[in-house]
All heavy atoms as atom14 arrays in JSON, in Angstrom:
{
  "sequence": "DTTNAVIKLGQEHGFTVDVWDPVQTTLTLPSTPFTTAESLGQYATILF",
  "atom14_mask": [
    [1, 1, 1, 1, 1, 1, 1, 1, 0, 0, 0, 0, 0, 0],
    [1, 1, 1, 1, 1, 1, 1, 0, 0, 0, 0, 0, 0, 0],
    [1, 1, 1, 1, 1, 1, 1, 0, 0, 0, 0, 0, 0, 0],
    [1, 1, 1, 1, 1, 1, 1, 1, 0, 0, 0, 0, 0, 0],
    [1, 1, 1, 1, 1, 0, 0, 0, 0, 0, 0, 0, 0, 0],
    [1, 1, 1, 1, 1, 1, 1, 0, 0, 0, 0, 0, 0, 0],
    [1, 1, 1, 1, 1, 1, 1, 1, 0, 0, 0, 0, 0, 0],
    [1, 1, 1, 1, 1, 1, 1, 1, 1, 0, 0, 0, 0, 0],
    [1, 1, 1, 1, 1, 1, 1, 1, 0, 0, 0, 0, 0, 0],
    [1, 1, 1, 1, 0, 0, 0, 0, 0, 0, 0, 0, 0, 0],
    [1, 1, 1, 1, 1, 1, 1, 1, 1, 0, 0, 0, 0, 0],
    [1, 1, 1, 1, 1, 1, 1, 1, 1, 0, 0, 0, 0, 0],
    [1, 1, 1, 1, 1, 1, 1, 1, 1, 1, 0, 0, 0, 0],
    [1, 1, 1, 1, 0, 0, 0, 0, 0, 0, 0, 0, 0, 0],
    [1, 1, 1, 1, 1, 1, 1, 1, 1, 1, 1, 0, 0, 0],
    [1, 1, 1, 1, 1, 1, 1, 0, 0, 0, 0, 0, 0, 0],
    [1, 1, 1, 1, 1, 1, 1, 0, 0, 0, 0, 0, 0, 0],
    [1, 1, 1, 1, 1, 1, 1, 1, 0, 0, 0, 0, 0, 0],
    [1, 1, 1, 1, 1, 1, 1, 0, 0, 0, 0, 0, 0, 0],
    [1, 1, 1, 1, 1, 1, 1, 1, 1, 1, 1, 1, 1, 1],
    [1, 1, 1, 1, 1, 1, 1, 1, 0, 0, 0, 0, 0, 0],
    [1, 1, 1, 1, 1, 1, 1, 0, 0, 0, 0, 0, 0, 0],
    [1, 1, 1, 1, 1, 1, 1, 0, 0, 0, 0, 0, 0, 0],
    [1, 1, 1, 1, 1, 1, 1, 1, 1, 0, 0, 0, 0, 0],
    [1, 1, 1, 1, 1, 1, 1, 0, 0, 0, 0, 0, 0, 0],
    [1, 1, 1, 1, 1, 1, 1, 0, 0, 0, 0, 0, 0, 0],
    [1, 1, 1, 1, 1, 1, 1, 1, 0, 0, 0, 0, 0, 0],
    [1, 1, 1, 1, 1, 1, 1, 0, 0, 0, 0, 0, 0, 0],
    [1, 1, 1, 1, 1, 1, 1, 1, 0, 0, 0, 0, 0, 0],
    [1, 1, 1, 1, 1, 1, 1, 0, 0, 0, 0, 0, 0, 0],
    [1, 1, 1, 1, 1, 1, 0, 0, 0, 0, 0, 0, 0, 0],
    [1, 1, 1, 1, 1, 1, 1, 0, 0, 0, 0, 0, 0, 0],
    [1, 1, 1, 1, 1, 1, 1, 0, 0, 0, 0, 0, 0, 0],
    [1, 1, 1, 1, 1, 1, 1, 1, 1, 1, 1, 0, 0, 0],
    [1, 1, 1, 1, 1, 1, 1, 0, 0, 0, 0, 0, 0, 0],
    [1, 1, 1, 1, 1, 1, 1, 0, 0, 0, 0, 0, 0, 0],
    [1, 1, 1, 1, 1, 0, 0, 0, 0, 0, 0, 0, 0, 0],
    [1, 1, 1, 1, 1, 1, 1, 1, 1, 0, 0, 0, 0, 0],
    [1, 1, 1, 1, 1, 1, 0, 0, 0, 0, 0, 0, 0, 0],
    [1, 1, 1, 1, 1, 1, 1, 1, 0, 0, 0, 0, 0, 0],
    [1, 1, 1, 1, 0, 0, 0, 0, 0, 0, 0, 0, 0, 0],
    [1, 1, 1, 1, 1, 1, 1, 1, 1, 0, 0, 0, 0, 0],
    [1, 1, 1, 1, 1, 1, 1, 1, 1, 1, 1, 1, 0, 0],
    [1, 1, 1, 1, 1, 0, 0, 0, 0, 0, 0, 0, 0, 0],
    [1, 1, 1, 1, 1, 1, 1, 0, 0, 0, 0, 0, 0, 0],
    [1, 1, 1, 1, 1, 1, 1, 1, 0, 0, 0, 0, 0, 0],
    [1, 1, 1, 1, 1, 1, 1, 1, 0, 0, 0, 0, 0, 0],
    [1, 1, 1, 1, 1, 1, 1, 1, 1, 1, 1, 0, 0, 0]
  ],
  "atom14_positions": [
    [[-8.42, 30.17, -5.8], [-7.64, 29.06, -6.32], [-7.37, 29.2, -7.83], [-6.28, 28.9, -8.29], [-8.39, 27.7, -6.08], [-8.57, 27.43, -4.6], [-7.6, 27.02, -3.94], [-9.68, 27.62, -4.08], [0.0, 0.0, 0.0], [0.0, 0.0, 0.0], [0.0, 0.0, 0.0], [0.0, 0.0, 0.0], [0.0, 0.0, 0.0], [0.0, 0.0, 0.0]],
    [[-8.39, 29.68, -8.52], [-8.21, 29.94, -9.94], [-7.12, 30.97, -10.2], [-6.23, 30.78, -11.05], [-9.55, 30.43, -10.54], [-10.59, 29.48, -10.3], [-9.42, 30.65, -12.05], [0.0, 0.0, 0.0], [0.0, 0.0, 0.0], [0.0, 0.0, 0.0], [0.0, 0.0, 0.0], [0.0, 0.0, 0.0], [0.0, 0.0, 0.0], [0.0, 0.0, 0.0]],
    [[-7.21, 32.05, -9.46], [-6.21, 33.13, -9.61], [-4.79, 32.62, -9.41], [-3.88, 32.86, -10.23], [-6.51, 34.27, -8.64], [-7.84, 34.73, -8.85], [-5.51, 35.43, -8.82], [0.0, 0.0, 0.0], [0.0, 0.0, 0.0], [0.0, 0.0, 0.0], [0.0, 0.0, 0.0], [0.0, 0.0, 0.0], [0.0, 0.0, 0.0], [0.0, 0.0, 0.0]],
    [[-4.57, 31.91, -8.33], [-3.26, 31.4, -8.03], [-2.82, 30.35, -9.05], [-1.61, 30.33, -9.42], [-3.24, 30.78, -6.61], [-3.36, 31.8, -5.54], [-2.83, 32.94, -5.67], [-4.04, 31.51, -4.45], [0.0, 0.0, 0.0], [0.0, 0.0, 0.0], [0.0, 0.0, 0.0], [0.0, 0.0, 0.0], [0.0, 0.0, 0.0], [0.0, 0.0, 0.0]],
    [[-3.72, 29.55, -9.53], [-3.41, 28.55, -10.55], [-2.98, 29.2, -11.87], [-2.01, 28.79, -12.51], [-4.57, 27.61, -10.79], [0.0, 0.0, 0.0], [0.0, 0.0, 0.0], [0.0, 0.0, 0.0], [0.0, 0.0, 0.0], [0.0, 0.0, 0.0], [0.0, 0.0, 0.0], [0.0, 0.0, 0.0], [0.0, 0.0, 0.0], [0.0, 0.0, 0.0]],
    [[-3.67, 30.28, -12.26], [-3.35, 30.96, -13.51], [-2.01, 31.67, -13.38], [-1.21, 31.68, -14.31], [-4.47, 31.92, -13.9], [-4.07, 32.76, -15.11], [-5.76, 31.15, -14.23], [0.0, 0.0, 0.0], [0.0, 0.0, 0.0], [0.0, 0.0, 0.0], [0.0, 0.0, 0.0], [0.0, 0.0, 0.0], [0.0, 0.0, 0.0], [0.0, 0.0, 0.0]],
    [[-1.75, 32.24, -12.2], [-0.43, 32.89, -11.98], [0.7, 31.83, -12.14], [1.69, 32.1, -12.8], [-0.36, 33.53, -10.6], [-1.26, 34.76, -10.54], [1.07, 33.92, -10.24], [-1.47, 35.34, -9.17], [0.0, 0.0, 0.0], [0.0, 0.0, 0.0], [0.0, 0.0, 0.0], [0.0, 0.0, 0.0], [0.0, 0.0, 0.0], [0.0, 0.0, 0.0]],
    [[0.48, 30.66, -11.59], [1.49, 29.61, -11.72], [1.6, 29.14, -13.16], [2.73, 28.91, -13.65], [1.09, 28.43, -10.81], [2.17, 27.33, -10.79], [1.79, 26.22, -9.82], [2.87, 25.11, -9.84], [2.5, 23.98, -8.95], [0.0, 0.0, 0.0], [0.0, 0.0, 0.0], [0.0, 0.0, 0.0], [0.0, 0.0, 0.0], [0.0, 0.0, 0.0]],
    [[0.47, 29.0, -13.87], [0.55, 28.62, -15.28], [1.36, 29.67, -16.07], [2.14, 29.3, -16.96], [-0.86, 28.5, -15.86], [-1.68, 27.28, -15.49], [-3.09, 27.41, -16.04], [-1.03, 25.98, -15.98], [0.0, 0.0, 0.0], [0.0, 0.0, 0.0], [0.0, 0.0, 0.0], [0.0, 0.0, 0.0], [0.0, 0.0, 0.0], [0.0, 0.0, 0.0]],
    [[1.17, 30.91, -15.73], [1.91, 31.95, -16.39], [3.41, 31.83, -16.15], [4.21, 32.03, -17.09], [0.0, 0.0, 0.0], [0.0, 0.0, 0.0], [0.0, 0.0, 0.0], [0.0, 0.0, 0.0], [0.0, 0.0, 0.0], [0.0, 0.0, 0.0], [0.0, 0.0, 0.0], [0.0, 0.0, 0.0], [0.0, 0.0, 0.0], [0.0, 0.0, 0.0]],
    [[3.77, 31.55, -14.94], [5.18, 31.38, -14.61], [5.81, 30.22, -15.42], [6.98, 30.27, -15.78], [5.36, 31.15, -13.1], [4.98, 32.36, -12.28], [4.85, 32.05, -10.8], [4.82, 30.84, -10.41], [4.81, 33.06, -9.95], [0.0, 0.0, 0.0], [0.0, 0.0, 0.0], [0.0, 0.0, 0.0], [0.0, 0.0, 0.0], [0.0, 0.0, 0.0]],
    [[5.02, 29.22, -15.65], [5.49, 28.03, -16.33], [5.42, 28.13, -17.89], [6.16, 27.42, -18.58], [4.67, 26.81, -15.89], [4.86, 26.46, -14.42], [3.88, 25.42, -13.92], [2.89, 25.14, -14.68], [4.07, 24.88, -12.81], [0.0, 0.0, 0.0], [0.0, 0.0, 0.0], [0.0, 0.0, 0.0], [0.0, 0.0, 0.0], [0.0, 0.0, 0.0]],
    [[4.58, 29.02, -18.36], [4.31, 29.04, -19.81], [4.44, 30.39, -20.46], [3.97, 30.6, -21.59], [2.93, 28.46, -20.1], [2.77, 27.02, -19.69], [3.14, 25.97, -20.48], [2.28, 26.47, -18.52], [2.92, 24.85, -19.83], [2.39, 25.1, -18.68], [0.0, 0.0, 0.0], [0.0, 0.0, 0.0], [0.0, 0.0, 0.0], [0.0, 0.0, 0.0]],
    [[5.08, 31.36, -19.78], [5.5, 32.54, -20.48], [4.55, 33.72, -20.52], [4.63, 34.52, -21.41], [0.0, 0.0, 0.0], [0.0, 0.0, 0.0], [0.0, 0.0, 0.0], [0.0, 0.0, 0.0], [0.0, 0.0, 0.0], [0.0, 0.0, 0.0], [0.0, 0.0, 0.0], [0.0, 0.0, 0.0], [0.0, 0.0, 0.0], [0.0, 0.0, 0.0]],
    [[3.64, 33.81, -19.53], [2.83, 35.02, -19.44], [2.76, 35.52, -18.01], [2.99, 34.75, -17.07], [1.43, 34.78, -20.03], [0.6, 33.75, -19.36], [-0.22, 34.04, -18.26], [0.57, 32.41, -19.83], [-1.01, 33.05, -17.66], [-0.2, 31.42, -19.24], [-0.99, 31.75, -18.13], [0.0, 0.0, 0.0], [0.0, 0.0, 0.0], [0.0, 0.0, 0.0]],
    [[2.49, 36.79, -17.85], [2.31, 37.41, -16.53], [0.81, 37.7, -16.36], [0.03, 37.74, -17.28], [3.12, 38.71, -16.39], [2.74, 39.62, -17.44], [4.6, 38.44, -16.47], [0.0, 0.0, 0.0], [0.0, 0.0, 0.0], [0.0, 0.0, 0.0], [0.0, 0.0, 0.0], [0.0, 0.0, 0.0], [0.0, 0.0, 0.0], [0.0, 0.0, 0.0]],
    [[0.46, 37.88, -15.06], [-0.95, 38.0, -14.74], [-1.21, 39.25, -13.88], [-0.51, 39.47, -12.89], [-1.44, 36.74, -13.94], [-2.91, 36.86, -13.51], [-1.24, 35.49, -14.78], [0.0, 0.0, 0.0], [0.0, 0.0, 0.0], [0.0, 0.0, 0.0], [0.0, 0.0, 0.0], [0.0, 0.0, 0.0], [0.0, 0.0, 0.0], [0.0, 0.0, 0.0]],
    [[-2.22, 40.02, -14.28], [-2.79, 41.06, -13.44], [-4.11, 40.55, -12.93], [-4.8, 39.76, -13.58], [-3.02, 42.35, -14.22], [-1.74, 43.16, -14.44], [-0.73, 42.83, -13.78], [-1.75, 44.11, -15.22], [0.0, 0.0, 0.0], [0.0, 0.0, 0.0], [0.0, 0.0, 0.0], [0.0, 0.0, 0.0], [0.0, 0.0, 0.0], [0.0, 0.0, 0.0]],
    [[-4.53, 41.05, -11.75], [-5.74, 40.57, -11.1], [-6.61, 41.81, -10.77], [-6.13, 42.79, -10.26], [-5.42, 39.82, -9.79], [-6.69, 39.38, -9.09], [-4.51, 38.64, -10.08], [0.0, 0.0, 0.0], [0.0, 0.0, 0.0], [0.0, 0.0, 0.0], [0.0, 0.0, 0.0], [0.0, 0.0, 0.0], [0.0, 0.0, 0.0], [0.0, 0.0, 0.0]],
    [[-7.89, 41.67, -11.06], [-8.88, 42.65, -10.62], [-9.87, 41.98, -9.74], [-10.79, 41.31, -10.23], [-9.57, 43.35, -11.79], [-10.48, 44.49, -11.36], [-10.22, 45.41, -10.38], [-11.77, 44.77, -11.88], [-11.27, 46.27, -10.25], [-12.24, 45.94, -11.14], [-12.54, 44.24, -12.86], [-13.5, 46.48, -11.42], [-13.79, 44.78, -13.12], [-14.23, 45.93, -12.4]],
    [[-9.71, 42.09, -8.43], [-10.53, 41.42, -7.46], [-10.26, 42.04, -6.09], [-9.33, 41.64, -5.4], [-10.26, 39.92, -7.45], [-11.16, 39.16, -6.46], [-12.08, 39.79, -5.89], [-10.9, 37.99, -6.26], [0.0, 0.0, 0.0], [0.0, 0.0, 0.0], [0.0, 0.0, 0.0], [0.0, 0.0, 0.0], [0.0, 0.0, 0.0], [0.0, 0.0, 0.0]],
    [[-11.08, 43.04, -5.67], [-10.8, 43.72, -4.39], [-10.71, 42.79, -3.19], [-10.06, 43.16, -2.18], [-11.99, 44.71, -4.29], [-12.4, 44.94, -5.72], [-12.21, 43.63, -6.41], [0.0, 0.0, 0.0], [0.0, 0.0, 0.0], [0.0, 0.0, 0.0], [0.0, 0.0, 0.0], [0.0, 0.0, 0.0], [0.0, 0.0, 0.0], [0.0, 0.0, 0.0]],
    [[-11.28, 41.6, -3.25], [-11.23, 40.68, -2.14], [-9.81, 40.17, -1.96], [-9.35, 39.95, -0.83], [-12.23, 39.54, -2.31], [-12.01, 38.45, -1.23], [-13.65, 40.05, -2.23], [0.0, 0.0, 0.0], [0.0, 0.0, 0.0], [0.0, 0.0, 0.0], [0.0, 0.0, 0.0], [0.0, 0.0, 0.0], [0.0, 0.0, 0.0], [0.0, 0.0, 0.0]],
    [[-9.11, 39.99, -3.07], [-7.72, 39.49, -2.99], [-6.8, 40.73, -2.87], [-6.12, 41.12, -3.83], [-7.4, 38.66, -4.21], [-8.28, 37.4, -4.36], [-7.84, 36.48, -5.48], [-6.83, 35.82, -5.38], [-8.62, 36.45, -6.53], [0.0, 0.0, 0.0], [0.0, 0.0, 0.0], [0.0, 0.0, 0.0], [0.0, 0.0, 0.0], [0.0, 0.0, 0.0]],
    [[-6.74, 41.28, -1.69], [-6.13, 42.57, -1.45], [-4.64, 42.65, -1.81], [-4.15, 43.71, -2.21], [-6.34, 43.02, -0.01], [-5.78, 42.0, 0.85], [-7.8, 43.21, 0.28], [0.0, 0.0, 0.0], [0.0, 0.0, 0.0], [0.0, 0.0, 0.0], [0.0, 0.0, 0.0], [0.0, 0.0, 0.0], [0.0, 0.0, 0.0], [0.0, 0.0, 0.0]],
    [[-3.94, 41.53, -1.69], [-2.5, 41.56, -1.96], [-2.2, 41.42, -3.45], [-1.04, 41.6, -3.86], [-1.77, 40.46, -1.2], [-2.3, 39.17, -1.61], [-1.98, 40.6, 0.32], [0.0, 0.0, 0.0], [0.0, 0.0, 0.0], [0.0, 0.0, 0.0], [0.0, 0.0, 0.0], [0.0, 0.0, 0.0], [0.0, 0.0, 0.0], [0.0, 0.0, 0.0]],
    [[-3.21, 41.09, -4.26], [-2.97, 40.83, -5.68], [-3.65, 41.83, -6.56], [-3.18, 42.08, -7.7], [-3.47, 39.43, -6.03], [-2.75, 38.23, -5.44], [-3.48, 36.94, -5.85], [-1.3, 38.16, -5.89], [0.0, 0.0, 0.0], [0.0, 0.0, 0.0], [0.0, 0.0, 0.0], [0.0, 0.0, 0.0], [0.0, 0.0, 0.0], [0.0, 0.0, 0.0]],
    [[-4.75, 42.41, -6.12], [-5.58, 43.19, -7.02], [-5.0, 44.5, -7.49], [-4.17, 45.11, -6.77], [-6.94, 43.45, -6.39], [-7.86, 43.97, -7.35], [-6.81, 44.47, -5.22], [0.0, 0.0, 0.0], [0.0, 0.0, 0.0], [0.0, 0.0, 0.0], [0.0, 0.0, 0.0], [0.0, 0.0, 0.0], [0.0, 0.0, 0.0], [0.0, 0.0, 0.0]],
    [[-5.34, 44.9, -8.69], [-5.02, 46.24, -9.14], [-5.75, 47.28, -8.27], [-6.81, 46.99, -7.73], [-5.46, 46.4, -10.62], [-4.72, 45.55, -11.64], [-5.47, 45.61, -13.0], [-3.29, 45.99, -11.86], [0.0, 0.0, 0.0], [0.0, 0.0, 0.0], [0.0, 0.0, 0.0], [0.0, 0.0, 0.0], [0.0, 0.0, 0.0], [0.0, 0.0, 0.0]],
    [[-5.21, 48.47, -8.14], [-5.81, 49.46, -7.24], [-7.15, 50.02, -7.74], [-7.93, 50.54, -6.97], [-4.77, 50.58, -7.15], [-3.95, 50.42, -8.38], [-3.92, 48.96, -8.69], [0.0, 0.0, 0.0], [0.0, 0.0, 0.0], [0.0, 0.0, 0.0], [0.0, 0.0, 0.0], [0.0, 0.0, 0.0], [0.0, 0.0, 0.0], [0.0, 0.0, 0.0]],
    [[-7.41, 49.88, -9.07], [-8.65, 50.42, -9.62], [-9.0, 49.6, -10.89], [-8.17, 48.83, -11.35], [-8.55, 51.89, -9.94], [-7.5, 52.13, -10.89], [0.0, 0.0, 0.0], [0.0, 0.0, 0.0], [0.0, 0.0, 0.0], [0.0, 0.0, 0.0], [0.0, 0.0, 0.0], [0.0, 0.0, 0.0], [0.0, 0.0, 0.0], [0.0, 0.0, 0.0]],
    [[-10.17, 49.84, -11.4], [-10.62, 49.07, -12.54], [-9.66, 49.18, -13.72], [-9.2, 50.29, -14.07], [-12.01, 49.54, -13.0], [-12.37, 48.8, -14.22], [-12.07, 51.04, -13.27], [0.0, 0.0, 0.0], [0.0, 0.0, 0.0], [0.0, 0.0, 0.0], [0.0, 0.0, 0.0], [0.0, 0.0, 0.0], [0.0, 0.0, 0.0], [0.0, 0.0, 0.0]],
    [[-9.33, 48.07, -14.37], [-8.53, 48.12, -15.59], [-9.37, 48.39, -16.84], [-8.84, 48.61, -17.93], [-7.9, 46.72, -15.68], [-8.94, 45.82, -14.97], [-9.55, 46.67, -13.93], [0.0, 0.0, 0.0], [0.0, 0.0, 0.0], [0.0, 0.0, 0.0], [0.0, 0.0, 0.0], [0.0, 0.0, 0.0], [0.0, 0.0, 0.0], [0.0, 0.0, 0.0]],
    [[-10.69, 48.37, -16.65], [-11.62, 48.55, -17.78], [-11.87, 50.04, -18.05], [-13.0, 50.51, -17.86], [-12.92, 47.8, -17.54], [-12.79, 46.3, -17.6], [-12.36, 45.58, -16.49], [-13.07, 45.58, -18.74], [-12.24, 44.19, -16.52], [-12.96, 44.23, -18.79], [-12.51, 43.52, -17.68], [0.0, 0.0, 0.0], [0.0, 0.0, 0.0], [0.0, 0.0, 0.0]],
    [[-10.82, 50.75, -18.39], [-10.94, 52.2, -18.59], [-11.16, 52.53, -20.08], [-12.11, 53.23, -20.41], [-9.68, 52.9, -18.07], [-8.51, 52.29, -18.66], [-9.63, 52.83, -16.54], [0.0, 0.0, 0.0], [0.0, 0.0, 0.0], [0.0, 0.0, 0.0], [0.0, 0.0, 0.0], [0.0, 0.0, 0.0], [0.0, 0.0, 0.0], [0.0, 0.0, 0.0]],
    [[-10.31, 52.0, -20.93], [-10.45, 52.18, -22.39], [-10.03, 50.9, -23.07], [-9.33, 50.06, -22.5], [-9.53, 53.31, -22.9], [-8.18, 52.92, -22.71], [-9.84, 54.63, -22.19], [0.0, 0.0, 0.0], [0.0, 0.0, 0.0], [0.0, 0.0, 0.0], [0.0, 0.0, 0.0], [0.0, 0.0, 0.0], [0.0, 0.0, 0.0], [0.0, 0.0, 0.0]],
    [[-10.48, 50.76, -24.3], [-10.06, 49.6, -25.11], [-8.56, 49.58, -25.29], [-7.92, 48.55, -25.28], [-10.79, 49.64, -26.46], [0.0, 0.0, 0.0], [0.0, 0.0, 0.0], [0.0, 0.0, 0.0], [0.0, 0.0, 0.0], [0.0, 0.0, 0.0], [0.0, 0.0, 0.0], [0.0, 0.0, 0.0], [0.0, 0.0, 0.0], [0.0, 0.0, 0.0]],
    [[-7.96, 50.77, -25.45], [-6.55, 50.87, -25.66], [-5.79, 50.36, -24.43], [-4.77, 49.67, -24.54], [-6.13, 52.31, -26.0], [-6.58, 52.79, -27.36], [-8.06, 53.08, -27.42], [-8.68, 53.31, -26.36], [-8.62, 53.1, -28.53], [0.0, 0.0, 0.0], [0.0, 0.0, 0.0], [0.0, 0.0, 0.0], [0.0, 0.0, 0.0], [0.0, 0.0, 0.0]],
    [[-6.29, 50.72, -23.25], [-5.62, 50.26, -22.01], [-5.74, 48.75, -21.86], [-4.79, 48.08, -21.49], [-6.25, 50.95, -20.8], [-5.63, 50.52, -19.6], [0.0, 0.0, 0.0], [0.0, 0.0, 0.0], [0.0, 0.0, 0.0], [0.0, 0.0, 0.0], [0.0, 0.0, 0.0], [0.0, 0.0, 0.0], [0.0, 0.0, 0.0], [0.0, 0.0, 0.0]],
    [[-6.91, 48.19, -22.18], [-7.09, 46.74, -22.09], [-6.23, 46.02, -23.16], [-5.94, 44.83, -23.01], [-8.57, 46.39, -22.29], [-9.49, 46.72, -21.16], [-10.94, 46.37, -21.53], [-9.11, 45.96, -19.85], [0.0, 0.0, 0.0], [0.0, 0.0, 0.0], [0.0, 0.0, 0.0], [0.0, 0.0, 0.0], [0.0, 0.0, 0.0], [0.0, 0.0, 0.0]],
    [[-5.79, 46.76, -24.17], [-5.01, 46.14, -25.24], [-3.66, 45.58, -24.79], [-3.01, 44.85, -25.49], [0.0, 0.0, 0.0], [0.0, 0.0, 0.0], [0.0, 0.0, 0.0], [0.0, 0.0, 0.0], [0.0, 0.0, 0.0], [0.0, 0.0, 0.0], [0.0, 0.0, 0.0], [0.0, 0.0, 0.0], [0.0, 0.0, 0.0], [0.0, 0.0, 0.0]],
    [[-3.26, 45.93, -23.55], [-2.01, 45.34, -23.01], [-2.19, 43.84, -22.68], [-1.19, 43.15, -22.49], [-1.58, 46.09, -21.76], [-2.53, 45.93, -20.56], [-2.13, 46.75, -19.37], [-1.14, 46.47, -18.72], [-2.92, 47.79, -19.11], [0.0, 0.0, 0.0], [0.0, 0.0, 0.0], [0.0, 0.0, 0.0], [0.0, 0.0, 0.0], [0.0, 0.0, 0.0]],
    [[-3.47, 43.41, -22.61], [-3.72, 42.01, -22.26], [-4.03, 41.18, -23.51], [-4.88, 41.56, -24.31], [-4.89, 41.9, -21.27], [-4.66, 42.68, -20.0], [-5.38, 43.83, -19.73], [-3.7, 42.26, -19.08], [-5.15, 44.56, -18.56], [-3.42, 42.98, -17.93], [-4.17, 44.11, -17.68], [-3.93, 44.84, -16.52], [0.0, 0.0, 0.0], [0.0, 0.0, 0.0]],
    [[-3.37, 40.03, -23.64], [-3.63, 39.15, -24.76], [-4.96, 38.45, -24.59], [-5.63, 38.13, -25.57], [-2.52, 38.1, -24.88], [0.0, 0.0, 0.0], [0.0, 0.0, 0.0], [0.0, 0.0, 0.0], [0.0, 0.0, 0.0], [0.0, 0.0, 0.0], [0.0, 0.0, 0.0], [0.0, 0.0, 0.0], [0.0, 0.0, 0.0], [0.0, 0.0, 0.0]],
    [[-5.4, 38.23, -23.36], [-6.73, 37.65, -23.06], [-7.13, 38.04, -21.67], [-6.31, 38.37, -20.81], [-6.73, 36.11, -23.27], [-8.09, 35.66, -23.3], [-5.96, 35.4, -22.18], [0.0, 0.0, 0.0], [0.0, 0.0, 0.0], [0.0, 0.0, 0.0], [0.0, 0.0, 0.0], [0.0, 0.0, 0.0], [0.0, 0.0, 0.0], [0.0, 0.0, 0.0]],
    [[-8.45, 37.99, -21.44], [-9.02, 38.36, -20.13], [-9.87, 37.19, -19.64], [-10.77, 36.75, -20.33], [-9.87, 39.66, -20.23], [-9.02, 40.81, -20.7], [-10.51, 40.0, -18.89], [-9.78, 42.11, -20.95], [0.0, 0.0, 0.0], [0.0, 0.0, 0.0], [0.0, 0.0, 0.0], [0.0, 0.0, 0.0], [0.0, 0.0, 0.0], [0.0, 0.0, 0.0]],
    [[-9.55, 36.71, -18.44], [-10.25, 35.55, -17.89], [-11.24, 35.99, -16.81], [-10.85, 36.66, -15.83], [-9.21, 34.59, -17.33], [-9.68, 33.24, -16.8], [-8.57, 32.2, -16.91], [-10.15, 33.28, -15.35], [0.0, 0.0, 0.0], [0.0, 0.0, 0.0], [0.0, 0.0, 0.0], [0.0, 0.0, 0.0], [0.0, 0.0, 0.0], [0.0, 0.0, 0.0]],
    [[-12.5, 35.61, -16.98], [-13.54, 35.88, -16.03], [-13.77, 34.63, -15.15], [-14.25, 33.62, -15.62], [-14.85, 36.24, -16.74], [-14.95, 37.64, -17.22], [-13.91, 38.25, -17.91], [-16.1, 38.41, -17.01], [-13.99, 39.55, -18.38], [-16.17, 39.73, -17.43], [-15.13, 40.3, -18.15], [0.0, 0.0, 0.0], [0.0, 0.0, 0.0], [0.0, 0.0, 0.0]]
  ]
}
């Protein structure tokens, strides 16, 4: 529910959302996004 709510907030307020959660198979990234600090730099914030 949190994931879907944040995606909707993004659509309404100007941000896009990536998801890292293998349980949500249709949404999740294929592998960990926590590879390097530079790679994570594409995200303005990270929600746990």
